[in-house]
Amino acid sequence: MPPPPPKVLTVPAKNETVGHDVCKWLQSVIDRLKWWSPGNCQKLFLETELIELCYRAREQFWKSPVKLDIEAPVNICGDIHGQFEDLLAMFELMHPPPTNK
C-alpha cells in the first residue's frame, strides 16, 4: 500500500505576497494528482482549493492571446471531457510536459 498523499497546503490569498507561495501551492496540487484513483479522488483536495485553482486558471486564460504561435513538433489532443485516466494514458504514450509539447 502506498504512503498517504502529501499534506494539503494553504492557498495564498490574492492580496498576499504571491509568486513563490503560489508556485509551492501549485506544485502540491500537482504532487497530489499523482495519488489520483477513482476511490481516492474526493479526498485529495479541499473545495476551496479547487475553486481557487479555477479562478487562477481563468485569470491565466484571460491573459493569454487567442492565437498561439507554436513550433513543431507538437501533439494536439481533443477535448477529453474531464476523463483524467484518459489524460494519464495519453501522457504515458507521449510523455507529459515539459518533456513533450
PDB file of N, CA and C in Angstrom:
ATOM      1  N   MET A   1       0.851  -1.193   0.000  1.00  0.00           N
ATOM      2  CA  MET A   1       0.000   0.000   0.000  1.00  0.00           C
ATOM      3  C   MET A   1       0.888   1.245   0.000  1.00  0.00           C
ATOM      4  N   PRO A   2       0.610   2.200  -0.905  1.00  0.00           N
ATOM      5  CA  PRO A   2       1.452   3.398  -0.984  1.00  0.00           C
ATOM      6  C   PRO A   2       1.245   4.291   0.227  1.00  0.00           C
ATOM      7  N   PRO A   3       2.229   5.127   0.545  1.00  0.00           N
ATOM      8  CA  PRO A   3       2.075   6.070   1.649  1.00  0.00           C
ATOM      9  C   PRO A   3       0.998   7.095   1.323  1.00  0.00           C
ATOM     10  N   PRO A   4       0.493   7.805   2.341  1.00  0.00           N
ATOM     11  CA  PRO A   4      -0.570   8.794   2.096  1.00  0.00           C
ATOM     12  C   PRO A   4      -0.076   9.929   1.228  1.00  0.00           C
ATOM     13  N   PRO A   5      -1.012  10.613   0.543  1.00  0.00           N
ATOM     14  CA  PRO A   5      -0.626  11.734  -0.312  1.00  0.00           C
ATOM     15  C   PRO A   5      -0.031  12.870   0.507  1.00  0.00           C
ATOM     16  N   PRO A   6       0.696  13.790  -0.151  1.00  0.00           N
ATOM     17  CA  PRO A   6       1.301  14.912   0.549  1.00  0.00           C
ATOM     18  C   PRO A   6       0.264  15.779   1.245  1.00  0.00           C
ATOM     19  N   LYS A   7       0.704  16.492   2.253  1.00  0.00           N
ATOM     20  CA  LYS A   7      -0.145  17.369   3.057  1.00  0.00           C
ATOM     21  C   LYS A   7      -0.734  18.498   2.206  1.00  0.00           C
ATOM     22  N   VAL A   8      -1.962  18.884   2.519  1.00  0.00           N
ATOM     23  CA  VAL A   8      -2.632  19.995   1.840  1.00  0.00           C
ATOM     24  C   VAL A   8      -1.993  21.300   2.307  1.00  0.00           C
ATOM     25  N   LEU A   9      -1.616  22.166   1.375  1.00  0.00           N
ATOM     26  CA  LEU A   9      -1.060  23.473   1.707  1.00  0.00           C
ATOM     27  C   LEU A   9      -2.141  24.532   1.612  1.00  0.00           C
ATOM     28  N   THR A  10      -2.018  25.578   2.405  1.00  0.00           N
ATOM     29  CA  THR A  10      -2.962  26.680   2.372  1.00  0.00           C
ATOM     30  C   THR A  10      -2.761  27.491   1.099  1.00  0.00           C
ATOM     31  N   VAL A  11      -3.852  27.850   0.468  1.00  0.00           N
ATOM     32  CA  VAL A  11      -3.801  28.660  -0.750  1.00  0.00           C
ATOM     33  C   VAL A  11      -3.529  30.107  -0.358  1.00  0.00           C
ATOM     34  N   PRO A  12      -2.486  30.740  -0.921  1.00  0.00           N
ATOM     35  CA  PRO A  12      -2.244  32.150  -0.620  1.00  0.00           C
ATOM     36  C   PRO A  12      -3.393  33.012  -1.124  1.00  0.00           C
ATOM     37  N   ALA A  13      -3.830  33.954  -0.310  1.00  0.00           N
ATOM     38  CA  ALA A  13      -4.891  34.872  -0.729  1.00  0.00           C
ATOM     39  C   ALA A  13      -4.373  35.751  -1.854  1.00  0.00           C
ATOM     40  N   LYS A  14      -5.263  36.250  -2.685  1.00  0.00           N
ATOM     41  CA  LYS A  14      -4.853  37.036  -3.845  1.00  0.00           C
ATOM     42  C   LYS A  14      -4.163  38.338  -3.441  1.00  0.00           C
ATOM     43  N   ASN A  15      -4.502  38.890  -2.263  1.00  0.00           N
ATOM     44  CA  ASN A  15      -3.880  40.141  -1.855  1.00  0.00           C
ATOM     45  C   ASN A  15      -2.586  39.912  -1.070  1.00  0.00           C
ATOM     46  N   GLU A  16      -2.235  38.654  -0.779  1.00  0.00           N
ATOM     47  CA  GLU A  16      -0.978  38.343  -0.110  1.00  0.00           C
ATOM     48  C   GLU A  16       0.154  38.347  -1.123  1.00  0.00           C
ATOM     49  N   THR A  17       1.375  38.333  -0.592  1.00  0.00           N
ATOM     50  CA  THR A  17       2.531  38.201  -1.470  1.00  0.00           C
ATOM     51  C   THR A  17       2.435  36.859  -2.167  1.00  0.00           C
ATOM     52  N   VAL A  18       2.477  36.876  -3.490  1.00  0.00           N
ATOM     53  CA  VAL A  18       2.336  35.645  -4.256  1.00  0.00           C
ATOM     54  C   VAL A  18       3.679  35.256  -4.826  1.00  0.00           C
ATOM     55  N   GLY A  19       3.710  34.625  -5.959  1.00  0.00           N
ATOM     56  CA  GLY A  19       4.964  34.206  -6.563  1.00  0.00           C
ATOM     57  C   GLY A  19       5.377  32.849  -6.069  1.00  0.00           C
ATOM     58  N   HIS A  20       6.374  32.817  -5.187  1.00  0.00           N
ATOM     59  CA  HIS A  20       6.910  31.543  -4.710  1.00  0.00           C
ATOM     60  C   HIS A  20       5.846  30.728  -3.969  1.00  0.00           C
ATOM     61  N   ASP A  21       5.027  31.407  -3.125  1.00  0.00           N
ATOM     62  CA  ASP A  21       3.988  30.684  -2.374  1.00  0.00           C
ATOM     63  C   ASP A  21       2.981  30.026  -3.306  1.00  0.00           C
ATOM     64  N   VAL A  22       2.587  30.731  -4.349  1.00  0.00           N
ATOM     65  CA  VAL A  22       1.629  30.181  -5.311  1.00  0.00           C
ATOM     66  C   VAL A  22       2.256  29.006  -6.050  1.00  0.00           C
ATOM     67  N   CYS A  23       3.522  29.151  -6.429  1.00  0.00           N
ATOM     68  CA  CYS A  23       4.214  28.056  -7.120  1.00  0.00           C
ATOM     69  C   CYS A  23       4.308  26.830  -6.219  1.00  0.00           C
ATOM     70  N   LYS A  24       4.584  27.049  -4.954  1.00  0.00           N
ATOM     71  CA  LYS A  24       4.669  25.944  -3.992  1.00  0.00           C
ATOM     72  C   LYS A  24       3.307  25.261  -3.855  1.00  0.00           C
ATOM     73  N   TRP A  25       2.246  26.071  -3.781  1.00  0.00           N
ATOM     74  CA  TRP A  25       0.900  25.507  -3.668  1.00  0.00           C
ATOM     75  C   TRP A  25       0.535  24.721  -4.927  1.00  0.00           C
ATOM     76  N   LEU A  26       0.813  25.299  -6.112  1.00  0.00           N
ATOM     77  CA  LEU A  26       0.515  24.595  -7.363  1.00  0.00           C
ATOM     78  C   LEU A  26       1.284  23.280  -7.459  1.00  0.00           C
ATOM     79  N   GLN A  27       2.533  23.280  -7.002  1.00  0.00           N
ATOM     80  CA  GLN A  27       3.313  22.042  -7.018  1.00  0.00           C
ATOM     81  C   GLN A  27       2.691  21.003  -6.099  1.00  0.00           C
ATOM     82  N   SER A  28       2.128  21.438  -4.959  1.00  0.00           N
ATOM     83  CA  SER A  28       1.462  20.482  -4.057  1.00  0.00           C
ATOM     84  C   SER A  28       0.216  19.887  -4.716  1.00  0.00           C
ATOM     85  N   VAL A  29      -0.489  20.701  -5.520  1.00  0.00           N
ATOM     86  CA  VAL A  29      -1.664  20.201  -6.248  1.00  0.00           C
ATOM     87  C   VAL A  29      -1.219  19.147  -7.258  1.00  0.00           C
ATOM     88  N   ILE A  30      -0.162  19.453  -8.004  1.00  0.00           N
ATOM     89  CA  ILE A  30       0.358  18.505  -8.994  1.00  0.00           C
ATOM     90  C   ILE A  30       0.826  17.217  -8.317  1.00  0.00           C
ATOM     91  N   ASP A  31       1.530  17.353  -7.199  1.00  0.00           N
ATOM     92  CA  ASP A  31       2.013  16.171  -6.471  1.00  0.00           C
ATOM     93  C   ASP A  31       0.860  15.288  -6.001  1.00  0.00           C
ATOM     94  N   ARG A  32      -0.220  15.912  -5.548  1.00  0.00           N
ATOM     95  CA  ARG A  32      -1.370  15.126  -5.085  1.00  0.00           C
ATOM     96  C   ARG A  32      -2.096  14.447  -6.236  1.00  0.00           C
ATOM     97  N   LEU A  33      -2.049  15.019  -7.441  1.00  0.00           N
ATOM     98  CA  LEU A  33      -2.678  14.369  -8.598  1.00  0.00           C
ATOM     99  C   LEU A  33      -2.059  13.006  -8.880  1.00  0.00           C
ATOM    100  N   LYS A  34      -0.802  12.827  -8.497  1.00  0.00           N
ATOM    101  CA  LYS A  34      -0.138  11.546  -8.697  1.00  0.00           C
ATOM    102  C   LYS A  34      -0.780  10.443  -7.864  1.00  0.00           C
ATOM    103  N   TRP A  35      -1.519  10.820  -6.827  1.00  0.00           N
ATOM    104  CA  TRP A  35      -2.198   9.850  -5.960  1.00  0.00           C
ATOM    105  C   TRP A  35      -3.637   9.590  -6.406  1.00  0.00           C
ATOM    106  N   TRP A  36      -4.033  10.174  -7.537  1.00  0.00           N
ATOM    107  CA  TRP A  36      -5.413  10.060  -8.001  1.00  0.00           C
ATOM    108  C   TRP A  36      -5.773   8.611  -8.280  1.00  0.00           C
ATOM    109  N   SER A  37      -6.957   8.235  -7.824  1.00  0.00           N
ATOM    110  CA  SER A  37      -7.576   6.958  -8.170  1.00  0.00           C
ATOM    111  C   SER A  37      -9.075   7.171  -7.992  1.00  0.00           C
ATOM    112  N   PRO A  38      -9.906   6.338  -8.628  1.00  0.00           N
ATOM    113  CA  PRO A  38     -11.352   6.547  -8.507  1.00  0.00           C
ATOM    114  C   PRO A  38     -11.840   6.566  -7.051  1.00  0.00           C
ATOM    115  N   GLY A  39     -11.260   5.738  -6.193  1.00  0.00           N
ATOM    116  CA  GLY A  39     -11.707   5.694  -4.800  1.00  0.00           C
ATOM    117  C   GLY A  39     -11.102   6.768  -3.925  1.00  0.00           C
ATOM    118  N   ASN A  40     -10.078   7.451  -4.410  1.00  0.00           N
ATOM    119  CA  ASN A  40      -9.346   8.425  -3.614  1.00  0.00           C
ATOM    120  C   ASN A  40      -9.567   9.861  -4.080  1.00  0.00           C
ATOM    121  N   CYS A  41     -10.199  10.053  -5.216  1.00  0.00           N
ATOM    122  CA  CYS A  41     -10.247  11.359  -5.867  1.00  0.00           C
ATOM    123  C   CYS A  41     -10.943  12.447  -5.041  1.00  0.00           C
ATOM    124  N   GLN A  42     -11.928  12.102  -4.241  1.00  0.00           N
ATOM    125  CA  GLN A  42     -12.647  13.125  -3.485  1.00  0.00           C
ATOM    126  C   GLN A  42     -11.954  13.493  -2.181  1.00  0.00           C
ATOM    127  N   LYS A  43     -10.839  12.833  -1.876  1.00  0.00           N
ATOM    128  CA  LYS A  43     -10.116  13.109  -0.634  1.00  0.00           C
ATOM    129  C   LYS A  43      -8.835  13.903  -0.866  1.00  0.00           C
ATOM    130  N   LEU A  44      -8.478  14.138  -2.116  1.00  0.00           N
ATOM    131  CA  LEU A  44      -7.197  14.758  -2.412  1.00  0.00           C
ATOM    132  C   LEU A  44      -7.189  16.274  -2.261  1.00  0.00           C
ATOM    133  N   PHE A  45      -8.324  16.924  -2.465  1.00  0.00           N
ATOM    134  CA  PHE A  45      -8.368  18.379  -2.473  1.00  0.00           C
ATOM    135  C   PHE A  45      -9.528  18.903  -1.650  1.00  0.00           C
ATOM    136  N   LEU A  46      -9.316  20.091  -1.093  1.00  0.00           N
ATOM    137  CA  LEU A  46     -10.398  20.800  -0.427  1.00  0.00           C
ATOM    138  C   LEU A  46     -11.211  21.553  -1.481  1.00  0.00           C
ATOM    139  N   GLU A  47     -12.470  21.778  -1.213  1.00  0.00           N
ATOM    140  CA  GLU A  47     -13.305  22.511  -2.162  1.00  0.00           C
ATOM    141  C   GLU A  47     -12.737  23.902  -2.429  1.00  0.00           C
ATOM    142  N   THR A  48     -12.243  24.564  -1.383  1.00  0.00           N
ATOM    143  CA  THR A  48     -11.676  25.910  -1.554  1.00  0.00           C
ATOM    144  C   THR A  48     -10.450  25.895  -2.467  1.00  0.00           C
ATOM    145  N   GLU A  49      -9.677  24.817  -2.416  1.00  0.00           N
ATOM    146  CA  GLU A  49      -8.510  24.708  -3.307  1.00  0.00           C
ATOM    147  C   GLU A  49      -8.940  24.604  -4.763  1.00  0.00           C
ATOM    148  N   LEU A  50      -9.968  23.807  -5.027  1.00  0.00           N
ATOM    149  CA  LEU A  50     -10.436  23.637  -6.401  1.00  0.00           C
ATOM    150  C   LEU A  50     -11.031  24.929  -6.945  1.00  0.00           C
ATOM    151  N   ILE A  51     -11.746  25.656  -6.098  1.00  0.00           N
ATOM    152  CA  ILE A  51     -12.303  26.945  -6.514  1.00  0.00           C
ATOM    153  C   ILE A  51     -11.173  27.915  -6.834  1.00  0.00           C
ATOM    154  N   GLU A  52     -10.168  27.974  -5.957  1.00  0.00           N
ATOM    155  CA  GLU A  52      -9.028  28.863  -6.189  1.00  0.00           C
ATOM    156  C   GLU A  52      -8.285  28.481  -7.458  1.00  0.00           C
ATOM    157  N   LEU A  53      -8.128  27.197  -7.703  1.00  0.00           N
ATOM    158  CA  LEU A  53      -7.455  26.721  -8.910  1.00  0.00           C
ATOM    159  C   LEU A  53      -8.213  27.171 -10.160  1.00  0.00           C
ATOM    160  N   CYS A  54      -9.537  27.090 -10.118  1.00  0.00           N
ATOM    161  CA  CYS A  54     -10.355  27.533 -11.254  1.00  0.00           C
ATOM    162  C   CYS A  54     -10.209  29.038 -11.482  1.00  0.00           C
ATOM    163  N   TYR A  55     -10.222  29.829 -10.409  1.00  0.00           N
ATOM    164  CA  TYR A  55     -10.060  31.280 -10.551  1.00  0.00           C
ATOM    165  C   TYR A  55      -8.695  31.630 -11.141  1.00  0.00           C
ATOM    166  N   ARG A  56      -7.651  30.976 -10.648  1.00  0.00           N
ATOM    167  CA  ARG A  56      -6.298  31.276 -11.141  1.00  0.00           C
ATOM    168  C   ARG A  56      -6.123  30.817 -12.590  1.00  0.00           C
ATOM    169  N   ALA A  57      -6.727  29.695 -12.953  1.00  0.00           N
ATOM    170  CA  ALA A  57      -6.665  29.229 -14.344  1.00  0.00           C
ATOM    171  C   ALA A  57      -7.407  30.207 -15.255  1.00  0.00           C
ATOM    172  N   ARG A  58      -8.577  30.675 -14.809  1.00  0.00           N
ATOM    173  CA  ARG A  58      -9.352  31.631 -15.604  1.00  0.00           C
ATOM    174  C   ARG A  58      -8.550  32.911 -15.852  1.00  0.00           C
ATOM    175  N   GLU A  59      -7.863  33.394 -14.809  1.00  0.00           N
ATOM    176  CA  GLU A  59      -7.044  34.590 -14.964  1.00  0.00           C
ATOM    177  C   GLU A  59      -5.963  34.381 -16.021  1.00  0.00           C
ATOM    178  N   GLN A  60      -5.335  33.214 -16.010  1.00  0.00           N
ATOM    179  CA  GLN A  60      -4.285  32.922 -16.983  1.00  0.00           C
ATOM    180  C   GLN A  60      -4.844  32.833 -18.401  1.00  0.00           C
ATOM    181  N   PHE A  61      -6.038  32.242 -18.547  1.00  0.00           N
ATOM    182  CA  PHE A  61      -6.660  32.174 -19.864  1.00  0.00           C
ATOM    183  C   PHE A  61      -6.969  33.573 -20.379  1.00  0.00           C
ATOM    184  N   TRP A  62      -7.443  34.456 -19.513  1.00  0.00           N
ATOM    185  CA  TRP A  62      -7.758  35.821 -19.917  1.00  0.00           C
ATOM    186  C   TRP A  62      -6.508  36.581 -20.333  1.00  0.00           C
ATOM    187  N   LYS A  63      -5.375  36.287 -19.702  1.00  0.00           N
ATOM    188  CA  LYS A  63      -4.123  36.965 -20.029  1.00  0.00           C
ATOM    189  C   LYS A  63      -3.494  36.440 -21.320  1.00  0.00           C
ATOM    190  N   SER A  64      -3.857  35.248 -21.711  1.00  0.00           N
ATOM    191  CA  SER A  64      -3.233  34.605 -22.869  1.00  0.00           C
ATOM    192  C   SER A  64      -3.846  35.100 -24.176  1.00  0.00           C
ATOM    193  N   PRO A  65      -3.037  35.152 -25.232  1.00  0.00           N
ATOM    194  CA  PRO A  65      -3.587  35.550 -26.531  1.00  0.00           C
ATOM    195  C   PRO A  65      -4.503  34.454 -27.088  1.00  0.00           C
ATOM    196  N   VAL A  66      -5.425  34.866 -27.933  1.00  0.00           N
ATOM    197  CA  VAL A  66      -6.356  33.910 -28.536  1.00  0.00           C
ATOM    198  C   VAL A  66      -5.625  33.003 -29.521  1.00  0.00           C
ATOM    199  N   LYS A  67      -4.700  33.581 -30.261  1.00  0.00           N
ATOM    200  CA  LYS A  67      -3.927  32.820 -31.241  1.00  0.00           C
ATOM    201  C   LYS A  67      -2.535  32.577 -30.678  1.00  0.00           C
ATOM    202  N   LEU A  68      -2.103  31.321 -30.696  1.00  0.00           N
ATOM    203  CA  LEU A  68      -0.772  30.968 -30.230  1.00  0.00           C
ATOM    204  C   LEU A  68       0.104  30.588 -31.402  1.00  0.00           C
ATOM    205  N   ASP A  69       1.308  31.112 -31.422  1.00  0.00           N
ATOM    206  CA  ASP A  69       2.303  30.695 -32.411  1.00  0.00           C
ATOM    207  C   ASP A  69       3.190  29.659 -31.729  1.00  0.00           C
ATOM    208  N   ILE A  70       3.136  28.419 -32.214  1.00  0.00           N
ATOM    209  CA  ILE A  70       3.910  27.345 -31.610  1.00  0.00           C
ATOM    210  C   ILE A  70       4.813  26.719 -32.657  1.00  0.00           C
ATOM    211  N   GLU A  71       5.901  26.144 -32.185  1.00  0.00           N
ATOM    212  CA  GLU A  71       6.844  25.500 -33.083  1.00  0.00           C
ATOM    213  C   GLU A  71       6.627  23.993 -33.075  1.00  0.00           C
ATOM    214  N   ALA A  72       6.745  23.398 -34.253  1.00  0.00           N
ATOM    215  CA  ALA A  72       6.625  21.950 -34.386  1.00  0.00           C
ATOM    216  C   ALA A  72       7.880  21.295 -33.823  1.00  0.00           C
ATOM    217  N   PRO A  73       7.836  20.078 -33.406  1.00  0.00           N
ATOM    218  CA  PRO A  73       6.669  19.192 -33.375  1.00  0.00           C
ATOM    219  C   PRO A  73       5.836  19.434 -32.115  1.00  0.00           C
ATOM    220  N   VAL A  74       4.554  19.180 -32.233  1.00  0.00           N
ATOM    221  CA  VAL A  74       3.639  19.339 -31.108  1.00  0.00           C
ATOM    222  C   VAL A  74       2.531  18.294 -31.238  1.00  0.00           C
ATOM    223  N   ASN A  75       2.083  17.770 -30.114  1.00  0.00           N
ATOM    224  CA  ASN A  75       0.944  16.843 -30.097  1.00  0.00           C
ATOM    225  C   ASN A  75      -0.290  17.602 -29.649  1.00  0.00           C
ATOM    226  N   ILE A  76      -1.375  17.445 -30.380  1.00  0.00           N
ATOM    227  CA  ILE A  76      -2.631  18.118 -30.043  1.00  0.00           C
ATOM    228  C   ILE A  76      -3.661  17.055 -29.711  1.00  0.00           C
ATOM    229  N   CYS A  77      -4.327  17.262 -28.592  1.00  0.00           N
ATOM    230  CA  CYS A  77      -5.348  16.316 -28.128  1.00  0.00           C
ATOM    231  C   CYS A  77      -6.681  17.044 -28.066  1.00  0.00           C
ATOM    232  N   GLY A  78      -7.729  16.395 -28.485  1.00  0.00           N
ATOM    233  CA  GLY A  78      -9.060  16.983 -28.419  1.00  0.00           C
ATOM    234  C   GLY A  78      -9.600  16.996 -26.999  1.00  0.00           C
ATOM    235  N   ASP A  79     -10.805  17.445 -26.842  1.00  0.00           N
ATOM    236  CA  ASP A  79     -11.451  17.519 -25.534  1.00  0.00           C
ATOM    237  C   ASP A  79     -11.649  16.114 -24.976  1.00  0.00           C
ATOM    238  N   ILE A  80     -11.136  15.868 -23.775  1.00  0.00           N
ATOM    239  CA  ILE A  80     -11.275  14.535 -23.170  1.00  0.00           C
ATOM    240  C   ILE A  80     -12.417  14.500 -22.150  1.00  0.00           C
ATOM    241  N   HIS A  81     -13.194  15.588 -22.087  1.00  0.00           N
ATOM    242  CA  HIS A  81     -14.395  15.662 -21.243  1.00  0.00           C
ATOM    243  C   HIS A  81     -14.112  15.291 -19.791  1.00  0.00           C
ATOM    244  N   GLY A  82     -12.975  15.743 -19.273  1.00  0.00           N
ATOM    245  CA  GLY A  82     -12.666  15.536 -17.864  1.00  0.00           C
ATOM    246  C   GLY A  82     -12.228  14.132 -17.498  1.00  0.00           C
ATOM    247  N   GLN A  83     -11.947  13.304 -18.481  1.00  0.00           N
ATOM    248  CA  GLN A  83     -11.537  11.923 -18.195  1.00  0.00           C
ATOM    249  C   GLN A  83     -10.051  11.902 -17.835  1.00  0.00           C
ATOM    250  N   PHE A  84      -9.766  12.006 -16.540  1.00  0.00           N
ATOM    251  CA  PHE A  84      -8.397  12.098 -16.060  1.00  0.00           C
ATOM    252  C   PHE A  84      -7.584  10.852 -16.409  1.00  0.00           C
ATOM    253  N   GLU A  85      -8.203   9.688 -16.340  1.00  0.00           N
ATOM    254  CA  GLU A  85      -7.493   8.452 -16.684  1.00  0.00           C
ATOM    255  C   GLU A  85      -7.058   8.464 -18.157  1.00  0.00           C
ATOM    256  N   ASP A  86      -7.891   9.018 -19.031  1.00  0.00           N
ATOM    257  CA  ASP A  86      -7.525   9.139 -20.446  1.00  0.00           C
ATOM    258  C   ASP A  86      -6.336  10.077 -20.620  1.00  0.00           C
ATOM    259  N   LEU A  87      -6.320  11.176 -19.866  1.00  0.00           N
ATOM    260  CA  LEU A  87      -5.192  12.104 -19.918  1.00  0.00           C
ATOM    261  C   LEU A  87      -3.909  11.407 -19.469  1.00  0.00           C
ATOM    262  N   LEU A  88      -3.978  10.654 -18.378  1.00  0.00           N
ATOM    263  CA  LEU A  88      -2.800   9.929 -17.901  1.00  0.00           C
ATOM    264  C   LEU A  88      -2.313   8.918 -18.935  1.00  0.00           C
ATOM    265  N   ALA A  89      -3.259   8.255 -19.605  1.00  0.00           N
ATOM    266  CA  ALA A  89      -2.884   7.285 -20.638  1.00  0.00           C
ATOM    267  C   ALA A  89      -2.185   7.983 -21.804  1.00  0.00           C
ATOM    268  N   MET A  90      -2.674   9.172 -22.198  1.00  0.00           N
ATOM    269  CA  MET A  90      -2.026   9.914 -23.283  1.00  0.00           C
ATOM    270  C   MET A  90      -0.623  10.351 -22.882  1.00  0.00           C
ATOM    271  N   PHE A  91      -0.464  10.791 -21.640  1.00  0.00           N
ATOM    272  CA  PHE A  91       0.862  11.175 -21.156  1.00  0.00           C
ATOM    273  C   PHE A  91       1.795   9.977 -21.126  1.00  0.00           C
ATOM    274  N   GLU A  92       1.254   8.818 -20.799  1.00  0.00           N
ATOM    275  CA  GLU A  92       2.087   7.610 -20.781  1.00  0.00           C
ATOM    276  C   GLU A  92       2.572   7.269 -22.192  1.00  0.00           C
ATOM    277  N   LEU A  93       1.721   7.478 -23.176  1.00  0.00           N
ATOM    278  CA  LEU A  93       2.096   7.200 -24.566  1.00  0.00           C
ATOM    279  C   LEU A  93       3.057   8.237 -25.139  1.00  0.00           C
ATOM    280  N   MET A  94       2.802   9.516 -24.822  1.00  0.00           N
ATOM    281  CA  MET A  94       3.548  10.593 -25.488  1.00  0.00           C
ATOM    282  C   MET A  94       4.418  11.414 -24.549  1.00  0.00           C
ATOM    283  N   HIS A  95       4.470  11.108 -23.288  1.00  0.00           N
ATOM    284  CA  HIS A  95       5.252  11.808 -22.262  1.00  0.00           C
ATOM    285  C   HIS A  95       4.620  13.158 -21.921  1.00  0.00           C
ATOM    286  N   PRO A  96       4.559  13.469 -20.644  1.00  0.00           N
ATOM    287  CA  PRO A  96       3.921  14.716 -20.210  1.00  0.00           C
ATOM    288  C   PRO A  96       4.816  15.934 -20.410  1.00  0.00           C
ATOM    289  N   PRO A  97       4.209  17.143 -20.391  1.00  0.00           N
ATOM    290  CA  PRO A  97       5.025  18.351 -20.429  1.00  0.00           C
ATOM    291  C   PRO A  97       5.898  18.396 -19.167  1.00  0.00           C
ATOM    292  N   PRO A  98       7.029  18.991 -19.169  1.00  0.00           N
ATOM    293  CA  PRO A  98       7.664  19.717 -20.263  1.00  0.00           C
ATOM    294  C   PRO A  98       8.522  18.820 -21.151  1.00  0.00           C
ATOM    295  N   THR A  99       8.502  17.503 -20.933  1.00  0.00           N
ATOM    296  CA  THR A  99       9.280  16.590 -21.760  1.00  0.00           C
ATOM    297  C   THR A  99       8.850  16.644 -23.219  1.00  0.00           C
ATOM    298  N   ASN A 100       7.570  16.795 -23.447  1.00  0.00           N
ATOM    299  CA  ASN A 100       6.994  16.780 -24.791  1.00  0.00           C
ATOM    300  C   ASN A 100       5.993  17.917 -24.899  1.00  0.00           C
ATOM    301  N   LYS A 101       5.862  18.481 -26.110  1.00  0.00           N
ATOM    302  CA  LYS A 101       4.873  19.553 -26.305  1.00  0.00           C
ATOM    303  C   LYS A 101       3.595  18.962 -26.858  1.00  0.00           C
TER     304      LYS A 101
END
